[in-house]
Amino acid sequence: MSAQTASGAGKAKARRPKIDPYLDSEASQELARQALADITNAADVGEYLGLTMEAERVGTLRFACSLPGYVGWSWAVTMARVPRARHVTVSETELLPGEGALLAPAFVPWADRLEPGDVRPGDILPHILDDRRLEPGYTATGDDDADRLAIWELGLGRPRVLSPEGRAEAAARWYEGKAGPAALEAVKAVARCSTCGFVTPLAGSWRRLFGVCANRWSPRDGSVVAYDHGCGAHSETDVARTATQWPANSPMVDDSSIVPVSLES
């Protein structure tokens, strides 16, 4: 078979079947409406929209949907006819969206919908086996001294630890958030956290950029802060001293010489 012949055969297979006169009839429309009455009210079925042939002697009749909130949807009734038969039968009924139909948003799993602060006391998050923010923790070497140092003194006795990507993601989130230099309290501060005695540096590579605030009067007490963050509770700042408003040469009042006077007549 030549390439041209094969191409022609492919086009022939791609052609839709001809409209079946038994499916495209008022009797089929009435039968379709009767089938739809089993799944919805008759008032919810609007005008007839047309027939789409699915295969030889198989077609789908569509009707407008009048249900509130279902703009652009249509009722679909798929019907079929056996060879040489003059009557059709109903195969299935359904409600289908069309162009411009209002659709529900795509389903997002609960774990992917969580936002920071959504986890409440008693909630447990699902385990993420391949979390990109984590990598395998320390593996014992068999050397007791080395393992003791790594597991107990360095705190690496965990199945997984932060990966480089996880550390970078957390650092960006902290630095760009309420504990970073762009926060309103930091912009208005007169000194940075890097010079505050209440800031305790974090361990590891993070100690070059972040610390934990230990000032009970600070809005960031107990939280991670960037060294170029700041607030009004800095350990080395002070308010400007103002002079007293009491007149310097005002007479002193000796209350020991005051004689009580009765106001009664």
C-alpha atoms as a PDB file:
ATOM      1  CA  MET A   1       0.000   0.000   0.000  1.00  0.00           C
ATOM      2  CA  SER A   2       1.382   3.382  -0.991  1.00  0.00           C
ATOM      3  CA  ALA A   3       1.813   6.243   1.455  1.00  0.00           C
ATOM      4  CA  GLN A   4      -0.933   8.191  -0.301  1.00  0.00           C
ATOM      5  CA  THR A   5      -3.347   5.257  -0.028  1.00  0.00           C
ATOM      6  CA  ALA A   6      -2.520   4.797   3.669  1.00  0.00           C
ATOM      7  CA  SER A   7      -3.136   8.490   4.273  1.00  0.00           C
ATOM      8  CA  GLY A   8      -6.500   8.277   2.550  1.00  0.00           C
ATOM      9  CA  ALA A   9      -7.454   5.260   4.648  1.00  0.00           C
ATOM     10  CA  GLY A  10      -6.546   7.159   7.816  1.00  0.00           C
ATOM     11  CA  LYS A  11      -8.754  10.068   6.798  1.00  0.00           C
ATOM     12  CA  ALA A  12     -11.614   7.692   6.084  1.00  0.00           C
ATOM     13  CA  LYS A  13     -11.327   6.212   9.569  1.00  0.00           C
ATOM     14  CA  ALA A  14     -11.257   9.709  11.075  1.00  0.00           C
ATOM     15  CA  ARG A  15     -14.535  10.704   9.420  1.00  0.00           C
ATOM     16  CA  ARG A  16     -17.544  10.893  11.712  1.00  0.00           C
ATOM     17  CA  PRO A  17     -20.398   8.546  10.893  1.00  0.00           C
ATOM     18  CA  LYS A  18     -23.392   9.929   9.051  1.00  0.00           C
ATOM     19  CA  ILE A  19     -26.362  11.261  10.977  1.00  0.00           C
ATOM     20  CA  ASP A  20     -28.714   8.394  11.795  1.00  0.00           C
ATOM     21  CA  PRO A  21     -32.297   9.431  10.864  1.00  0.00           C
ATOM     22  CA  TYR A  22     -33.776   7.272  13.624  1.00  0.00           C
ATOM     23  CA  LEU A  23     -31.604   8.968  16.255  1.00  0.00           C
ATOM     24  CA  ASP A  24     -32.201  12.441  14.795  1.00  0.00           C
ATOM     25  CA  SER A  25     -35.957  12.368  15.176  1.00  0.00           C
ATOM     26  CA  GLU A  26     -38.655  13.840  17.374  1.00  0.00           C
ATOM     27  CA  ALA A  27     -39.382  10.372  18.746  1.00  0.00           C
ATOM     28  CA  SER A  28     -35.764  10.047  19.947  1.00  0.00           C
ATOM     29  CA  GLN A  29     -35.915  13.490  21.517  1.00  0.00           C
ATOM     30  CA  GLU A  30     -39.075  12.577  23.404  1.00  0.00           C
ATOM     31  CA  LEU A  31     -37.509   9.312  24.565  1.00  0.00           C
ATOM     32  CA  ALA A  32     -34.413  11.212  25.719  1.00  0.00           C
ATOM     33  CA  ARG A  33     -36.524  13.670  27.724  1.00  0.00           C
ATOM     34  CA  GLN A  34     -38.316  10.742  29.379  1.00  0.00           C
ATOM     35  CA  ALA A  35     -34.927   9.285  30.353  1.00  0.00           C
ATOM     36  CA  LEU A  36     -33.805  12.600  31.827  1.00  0.00           C
ATOM     37  CA  ALA A  37     -36.993  12.746  33.904  1.00  0.00           C
ATOM     38  CA  ASP A  38     -35.548   9.847  35.924  1.00  0.00           C
ATOM     39  CA  ILE A  39     -32.582  11.952  37.106  1.00  0.00           C
ATOM     40  CA  THR A  40     -33.934  15.529  37.197  1.00  0.00           C
ATOM     41  CA  ASN A  41     -37.081  17.612  37.001  1.00  0.00           C
ATOM     42  CA  ALA A  42     -38.599  18.261  33.601  1.00  0.00           C
ATOM     43  CA  ALA A  43     -38.289  22.009  34.207  1.00  0.00           C
ATOM     44  CA  ASP A  44     -34.489  21.634  34.426  1.00  0.00           C
ATOM     45  CA  VAL A  45     -34.294  20.364  30.823  1.00  0.00           C
ATOM     46  CA  GLY A  46     -34.269  23.153  28.249  1.00  0.00           C
ATOM     47  CA  GLU A  47     -34.273  23.323  24.481  1.00  0.00           C
ATOM     48  CA  TYR A  48     -32.868  20.627  22.245  1.00  0.00           C
ATOM     49  CA  LEU A  49     -29.293  21.516  21.187  1.00  0.00           C
ATOM     50  CA  GLY A  50     -28.516  18.842  18.629  1.00  0.00           C
ATOM     51  CA  LEU A  51     -27.144  15.377  17.960  1.00  0.00           C
ATOM     52  CA  THR A  52     -23.504  14.247  17.918  1.00  0.00           C
ATOM     53  CA  MET A  53     -22.779  10.875  16.317  1.00  0.00           C
ATOM     54  CA  GLU A  54     -20.315   8.831  18.381  1.00  0.00           C
ATOM     55  CA  ALA A  55     -20.213   5.767  16.096  1.00  0.00           C
ATOM     56  CA  GLU A  56     -22.401   3.969  13.574  1.00  0.00           C
ATOM     57  CA  ARG A  57     -25.974   4.000  14.961  1.00  0.00           C
ATOM     58  CA  VAL A  58     -24.744   5.552  18.256  1.00  0.00           C
ATOM     59  CA  GLY A  59     -25.332   9.222  19.054  1.00  0.00           C
ATOM     60  CA  THR A  60     -25.635  11.705  21.912  1.00  0.00           C
ATOM     61  CA  LEU A  61     -28.592  14.077  22.105  1.00  0.00           C
ATOM     62  CA  ARG A  62     -27.946  17.268  24.070  1.00  0.00           C
ATOM     63  CA  PHE A  63     -30.403  19.560  25.847  1.00  0.00           C
ATOM     64  CA  ALA A  64     -29.828  22.893  27.559  1.00  0.00           C
ATOM     65  CA  CYS A  65     -29.574  22.793  31.354  1.00  0.00           C
ATOM     66  CA  SER A  66     -31.821  25.186  33.308  1.00  0.00           C
ATOM     67  CA  LEU A  67     -30.433  24.394  36.757  1.00  0.00           C
ATOM     68  CA  PRO A  68     -29.273  27.494  38.680  1.00  0.00           C
ATOM     69  CA  GLY A  69     -25.486  27.685  38.841  1.00  0.00           C
ATOM     70  CA  TYR A  70     -24.938  25.410  35.833  1.00  0.00           C
ATOM     71  CA  VAL A  71     -24.335  28.035  33.154  1.00  0.00           C
ATOM     72  CA  GLY A  72     -22.854  26.443  30.043  1.00  0.00           C
ATOM     73  CA  TRP A  73     -23.772  22.869  31.053  1.00  0.00           C
ATOM     74  CA  SER A  74     -26.029  20.570  29.053  1.00  0.00           C
ATOM     75  CA  TRP A  75     -27.890  17.321  29.540  1.00  0.00           C
ATOM     76  CA  ALA A  76     -26.564  14.482  27.390  1.00  0.00           C
ATOM     77  CA  VAL A  77     -28.434  11.318  26.478  1.00  0.00           C
ATOM     78  CA  THR A  78     -26.492   8.682  24.564  1.00  0.00           C
ATOM     79  CA  MET A  79     -28.716   6.444  22.449  1.00  0.00           C
ATOM     80  CA  ALA A  80     -28.095   3.510  20.125  1.00  0.00           C
ATOM     81  CA  ARG A  81     -29.841   1.437  17.453  1.00  0.00           C
ATOM     82  CA  VAL A  82     -29.057  -2.147  16.556  1.00  0.00           C
ATOM     83  CA  PRO A  83     -28.541  -2.972  12.855  1.00  0.00           C
ATOM     84  CA  ARG A  84     -31.721  -3.023  10.745  1.00  0.00           C
ATOM     85  CA  ALA A  85     -33.837  -1.967  13.756  1.00  0.00           C
ATOM     86  CA  ARG A  86     -36.134   1.057  13.531  1.00  0.00           C
ATOM     87  CA  HIS A  87     -36.279   1.886  17.247  1.00  0.00           C
ATOM     88  CA  VAL A  88     -33.565   3.304  19.509  1.00  0.00           C
ATOM     89  CA  THR A  89     -32.682   2.598  23.134  1.00  0.00           C
ATOM     90  CA  VAL A  90     -31.132   4.774  25.840  1.00  0.00           C
ATOM     91  CA  SER A  91     -27.575   3.848  26.853  1.00  0.00           C
ATOM     92  CA  GLU A  92     -26.765   6.534  29.461  1.00  0.00           C
ATOM     93  CA  THR A  93     -27.706   9.991  30.701  1.00  0.00           C
ATOM     94  CA  GLU A  94     -25.398  12.614  32.218  1.00  0.00           C
ATOM     95  CA  LEU A  95     -24.798  16.313  32.801  1.00  0.00           C
ATOM     96  CA  LEU A  96     -21.767  17.609  30.893  1.00  0.00           C
ATOM     97  CA  PRO A  97     -19.936  20.972  30.854  1.00  0.00           C
ATOM     98  CA  GLY A  98     -19.647  22.929  27.639  1.00  0.00           C
ATOM     99  CA  GLU A  99     -17.656  25.954  26.538  1.00  0.00           C
ATOM    100  CA  GLY A 100     -17.724  28.657  29.209  1.00  0.00           C
ATOM    101  CA  ALA A 101     -19.231  26.298  31.794  1.00  0.00           C
ATOM    102  CA  LEU A 102     -18.709  27.106  35.458  1.00  0.00           C
ATOM    103  CA  LEU A 103     -16.515  24.349  36.873  1.00  0.00           C
ATOM    104  CA  ALA A 104     -15.412  23.559  40.393  1.00  0.00           C
ATOM    105  CA  PRO A 105     -11.685  24.151  41.021  1.00  0.00           C
ATOM    106  CA  ALA A 106      -9.393  21.154  40.678  1.00  0.00           C
ATOM    107  CA  PHE A 107      -9.207  19.029  43.823  1.00  0.00           C
ATOM    108  CA  VAL A 108      -6.164  19.725  45.968  1.00  0.00           C
ATOM    109  CA  PRO A 109      -5.247  17.181  48.685  1.00  0.00           C
ATOM    110  CA  TRP A 110      -5.617  18.359  52.266  1.00  0.00           C
ATOM    111  CA  ALA A 111      -1.879  18.206  52.912  1.00  0.00           C
ATOM    112  CA  ASP A 112      -1.234  20.514  49.931  1.00  0.00           C
ATOM    113  CA  ARG A 113      -3.902  23.021  50.993  1.00  0.00           C
ATOM    114  CA  LEU A 114      -2.357  23.710  54.392  1.00  0.00           C
ATOM    115  CA  GLU A 115      -1.090  27.203  55.075  1.00  0.00           C
ATOM    116  CA  PRO A 116       1.313  28.295  57.831  1.00  0.00           C
ATOM    117  CA  GLY A 117      -0.658  28.477  61.069  1.00  0.00           C
ATOM    118  CA  ASP A 118      -3.336  25.952  60.017  1.00  0.00           C
ATOM    119  CA  VAL A 119      -1.974  23.125  62.172  1.00  0.00           C
ATOM    120  CA  ARG A 120      -3.845  23.138  65.490  1.00  0.00           C
ATOM    121  CA  PRO A 121      -3.136  21.267  68.745  1.00  0.00           C
ATOM    122  CA  GLY A 122      -3.786  17.566  68.149  1.00  0.00           C
ATOM    123  CA  ASP A 123      -3.405  17.753  64.348  1.00  0.00           C
ATOM    124  CA  ILE A 124      -0.905  15.381  62.712  1.00  0.00           C
ATOM    125  CA  LEU A 125       0.519  16.056  59.266  1.00  0.00           C
ATOM    126  CA  PRO A 126       0.947  13.149  56.831  1.00  0.00           C
ATOM    127  CA  HIS A 127       4.449  11.750  56.431  1.00  0.00           C
ATOM    128  CA  ILE A 128       6.190  12.883  53.222  1.00  0.00           C
ATOM    129  CA  LEU A 129       8.621  10.154  52.260  1.00  0.00           C
ATOM    130  CA  ASP A 130      10.447  12.071  49.511  1.00  0.00           C
ATOM    131  CA  ASP A 131      10.323  15.560  51.053  1.00  0.00           C
ATOM    132  CA  ARG A 132      12.852  17.648  49.105  1.00  0.00           C
ATOM    133  CA  ARG A 133      13.513  19.766  52.203  1.00  0.00           C
ATOM    134  CA  LEU A 134      15.035  16.783  54.027  1.00  0.00           C
ATOM    135  CA  GLU A 135      17.869  14.356  53.472  1.00  0.00           C
ATOM    136  CA  PRO A 136      19.045  11.228  55.331  1.00  0.00           C
ATOM    137  CA  GLY A 137      20.570  11.943  58.712  1.00  0.00           C
ATOM    138  CA  TYR A 138      23.810  10.648  60.155  1.00  0.00           C
ATOM    139  CA  THR A 139      24.562   6.962  59.599  1.00  0.00           C
ATOM    140  CA  ALA A 140      26.527   5.167  62.311  1.00  0.00           C
ATOM    141  CA  THR A 141      30.077   4.325  61.272  1.00  0.00           C
ATOM    142  CA  GLY A 142      30.855   1.730  63.923  1.00  0.00           C
ATOM    143  CA  ASP A 143      33.465   3.979  65.536  1.00  0.00           C
ATOM    144  CA  ASP A 144      32.097   4.527  69.050  1.00  0.00           C
ATOM    145  CA  ASP A 145      33.942   7.805  69.616  1.00  0.00           C
ATOM    146  CA  ALA A 146      32.921   9.274  66.247  1.00  0.00           C
ATOM    147  CA  ASP A 147      29.314   8.113  66.591  1.00  0.00           C
ATOM    148  CA  ARG A 148      29.048   9.480  70.125  1.00  0.00           C
ATOM    149  CA  LEU A 149      30.278  12.889  68.951  1.00  0.00           C
ATOM    150  CA  ALA A 150      27.936  13.004  65.938  1.00  0.00           C
ATOM    151  CA  ILE A 151      24.797  11.630  67.602  1.00  0.00           C
ATOM    152  CA  TRP A 152      24.947  13.059  71.107  1.00  0.00           C
ATOM    153  CA  GLU A 153      27.107  16.169  70.956  1.00  0.00           C
ATOM    154  CA  LEU A 154      26.161  17.369  67.488  1.00  0.00           C
ATOM    155  CA  GLY A 155      22.548  16.160  67.707  1.00  0.00           C
ATOM    156  CA  LEU A 156      22.516  14.216  64.450  1.00  0.00           C
ATOM    157  CA  GLY A 157      20.750  11.124  65.764  1.00  0.00           C
ATOM    158  CA  ARG A 158      17.700  11.644  63.548  1.00  0.00           C
ATOM    159  CA  PRO A 159      16.449   9.699  60.517  1.00  0.00           C
ATOM    160  CA  ARG A 160      16.432  12.867  58.390  1.00  0.00           C
ATOM    161  CA  VAL A 161      17.878  16.367  58.615  1.00  0.00           C
ATOM    162  CA  LEU A 162      17.413  19.531  56.589  1.00  0.00           C
ATOM    163  CA  SER A 163      18.739  19.374  53.062  1.00  0.00           C
ATOM    164  CA  PRO A 164      20.564  22.343  51.484  1.00  0.00           C
ATOM    165  CA  GLU A 165      17.325  23.172  49.652  1.00  0.00           C
ATOM    166  CA  GLY A 166      15.364  22.993  52.899  1.00  0.00           C
ATOM    167  CA  ARG A 167      17.816  25.317  54.665  1.00  0.00           C
ATOM    168  CA  ALA A 168      17.773  27.810  51.802  1.00  0.00           C
ATOM    169  CA  GLU A 169      13.958  27.792  51.688  1.00  0.00           C
ATOM    170  CA  ALA A 170      13.652  28.382  55.448  1.00  0.00           C
ATOM    171  CA  ALA A 171      16.300  31.116  55.418  1.00  0.00           C
ATOM    172  CA  ALA A 172      14.522  32.963  52.607  1.00  0.00           C
ATOM    173  CA  ARG A 173      11.169  32.662  54.387  1.00  0.00           C
ATOM    174  CA  TRP A 174      12.568  34.027  57.672  1.00  0.00           C
ATOM    175  CA  TYR A 175      14.589  36.805  56.053  1.00  0.00           C
ATOM    176  CA  GLU A 176      11.701  38.004  53.885  1.00  0.00           C
ATOM    177  CA  GLY A 177       9.109  37.720  56.680  1.00  0.00           C
ATOM    178  CA  LYS A 178       8.333  39.501  59.943  1.00  0.00           C
ATOM    179  CA  ALA A 179      11.804  38.774  61.347  1.00  0.00           C
ATOM    180  CA  GLY A 180      13.717  40.280  58.433  1.00  0.00           C
ATOM    181  CA  PRO A 181      15.030  43.776  57.681  1.00  0.00           C
ATOM    182  CA  ALA A 182      11.950  44.822  55.694  1.00  0.00           C
ATOM    183  CA  ALA A 183       9.498  44.397  58.596  1.00  0.00           C
ATOM    184  CA  LEU A 184       7.919  47.662  59.803  1.00  0.00           C
ATOM    185  CA  GLU A 185       9.403  47.355  63.313  1.00  0.00           C
ATOM    186  CA  ALA A 186      12.852  46.849  61.795  1.00  0.00           C
ATOM    187  CA  VAL A 187      12.516  49.829  59.451  1.00  0.00           C
ATOM    188  CA  LYS A 188      11.604  52.082  62.396  1.00  0.00           C
ATOM    189  CA  ALA A 189      14.255  50.654  64.748  1.00  0.00           C
ATOM    190  CA  VAL A 190      17.367  52.713  65.516  1.00  0.00           C
ATOM    191  CA  ALA A 191      19.645  49.705  66.037  1.00  0.00           C
ATOM    192  CA  ARG A 192      20.043  46.218  64.571  1.00  0.00           C
ATOM    193  CA  CYS A 193      19.711  42.843  66.290  1.00  0.00           C
ATOM    194  CA  SER A 194      23.385  42.148  65.498  1.00  0.00           C
ATOM    195  CA  THR A 195      24.385  44.534  68.313  1.00  0.00           C
ATOM    196  CA  CYS A 196      21.687  43.487  70.810  1.00  0.00           C
ATOM    197  CA  GLY A 197      22.723  41.540  73.897  1.00  0.00           C
ATOM    198  CA  PHE A 198      19.453  39.598  73.943  1.00  0.00           C
ATOM    199  CA  VAL A 199      20.111  37.779  70.639  1.00  0.00           C
ATOM    200  CA  THR A 200      21.560  34.264  70.869  1.00  0.00           C
ATOM    201  CA  PRO A 201      23.131  33.029  67.574  1.00  0.00           C
ATOM    202  CA  LEU A 202      21.811  29.854  65.986  1.00  0.00           C
ATOM    203  CA  ALA A 203      24.081  26.855  65.579  1.00  0.00           C
ATOM    204  CA  GLY A 204      25.760  25.805  62.366  1.00  0.00           C
ATOM    205  CA  SER A 205      25.903  27.831  59.180  1.00  0.00           C
ATOM    206  CA  TRP A 206      22.836  29.832  60.183  1.00  0.00           C
ATOM    207  CA  ARG A 207      24.710  31.608  62.996  1.00  0.00           C
ATOM    208  CA  ARG A 208      26.152  33.986  60.400  1.00  0.00           C
ATOM    209  CA  LEU A 209      22.693  35.378  59.616  1.00  0.00           C
ATOM    210  CA  PHE A 210      20.166  34.474  62.326  1.00  0.00           C
ATOM    211  CA  GLY A 211      19.738  34.360  66.078  1.00  0.00           C
ATOM    212  CA  VAL A 212      16.962  33.797  68.619  1.00  0.00           C
ATOM    213  CA  CYS A 213      15.555  36.784  70.540  1.00  0.00           C
ATOM    214  CA  ALA A 214      15.529  36.314  74.329  1.00  0.00           C
ATOM    215  CA  ASN A 215      14.081  39.686  75.364  1.00  0.00           C
ATOM    216  CA  ARG A 216      10.701  39.334  77.060  1.00  0.00           C
ATOM    217  CA  TRP A 217       9.756  42.893  76.036  1.00  0.00           C
ATOM    218  CA  SER A 218      10.473  42.337  72.352  1.00  0.00           C
ATOM    219  CA  PRO A 219       7.658  41.358  69.927  1.00  0.00           C
ATOM    220  CA  ARG A 220      10.056  38.648  68.630  1.00  0.00           C
ATOM    221  CA  ASP A 221      10.802  37.057  72.018  1.00  0.00           C
ATOM    222  CA  GLY A 222      11.519  33.348  71.474  1.00  0.00           C
ATOM    223  CA  SER A 223      11.602  33.698  67.685  1.00  0.00           C
ATOM    224  CA  VAL A 224      14.299  33.601  65.023  1.00  0.00           C
ATOM    225  CA  VAL A 225      15.439  37.055  63.912  1.00  0.00           C
ATOM    226  CA  ALA A 226      17.842  38.189  61.215  1.00  0.00           C
ATOM    227  CA  TYR A 227      20.832  40.133  62.479  1.00  0.00           C
ATOM    228  CA  ASP A 228      19.758  43.151  60.409  1.00  0.00           C
ATOM    229  CA  HIS A 229      16.284  43.058  61.959  1.00  0.00           C
ATOM    230  CA  GLY A 230      15.545  45.410  64.838  1.00  0.00           C
ATOM    231  CA  CYS A 231      12.942  46.638  67.308  1.00  0.00           C
ATOM    232  CA  GLY A 232      12.466  49.177  70.077  1.00  0.00           C
ATOM    233  CA  ALA A 233      13.560  46.739  72.804  1.00  0.00           C
ATOM    234  CA  HIS A 234      17.251  46.779  71.817  1.00  0.00           C
ATOM    235  CA  SER A 235      19.558  46.272  74.808  1.00  0.00           C
ATOM    236  CA  GLU A 236      21.748  49.316  74.064  1.00  0.00           C
ATOM    237  CA  THR A 237      19.223  51.966  73.038  1.00  0.00           C
ATOM    238  CA  ASP A 238      17.475  54.478  75.256  1.00  0.00           C
ATOM    239  CA  VAL A 239      14.823  57.157  75.013  1.00  0.00           C
ATOM    240  CA  ALA A 240      15.878  60.794  74.859  1.00  0.00           C
ATOM    241  CA  ARG A 241      16.033  62.465  78.266  1.00  0.00           C
ATOM    242  CA  THR A 242      13.831  65.547  78.536  1.00  0.00           C
ATOM    243  CA  ALA A 243      14.043  68.336  81.113  1.00  0.00           C
ATOM    244  CA  THR A 244      11.411  68.608  83.813  1.00  0.00           C
ATOM    245  CA  GLN A 245       8.473  70.875  83.087  1.00  0.00           C
ATOM    246  CA  TRP A 246       8.274  72.054  86.712  1.00  0.00           C
ATOM    247  CA  PRO A 247       9.408  75.715  87.001  1.00  0.00           C
ATOM    248  CA  ALA A 248      12.927  76.014  88.439  1.00  0.00           C
ATOM    249  CA  ASN A 249      12.065  78.926  90.839  1.00  0.00           C
ATOM    250  CA  SER A 250       8.656  77.733  91.941  1.00  0.00           C
ATOM    251  CA  PRO A 251       8.021  78.201  95.703  1.00  0.00           C
ATOM    252  CA  MET A 252       8.133  75.172  97.923  1.00  0.00           C
ATOM    253  CA  VAL A 253       4.875  74.429  99.711  1.00  0.00           C
ATOM    254  CA  ASP A 254       5.206  73.627 103.415  1.00  0.00           C
ATOM    255  CA  ASP A 255       2.135  71.520 104.085  1.00  0.00           C
ATOM    256  CA  SER A 256       2.953  71.356 107.788  1.00  0.00           C
ATOM    257  CA  SER A 257       1.728  74.947 108.218  1.00  0.00           C
ATOM    258  CA  ILE A 258      -1.571  74.453 106.444  1.00  0.00           C
ATOM    259  CA  VAL A 259      -4.559  75.051 108.691  1.00  0.00           C
ATOM    260  CA  PRO A 260      -7.691  73.079 107.793  1.00  0.00           C
ATOM    261  CA  VAL A 261     -10.694  75.360 107.231  1.00  0.00           C
ATOM    262  CA  SER A 262     -14.237  74.149 107.527  1.00  0.00           C
ATOM    263  CA  LEU A 263     -16.545  75.130 104.715  1.00  0.00           C
ATOM    264  CA  GLU A 264     -19.611  74.816 106.883  1.00  0.00           C
ATOM    265  CA  SER A 265     -21.282  78.131 107.771  1.00  0.00           C
END
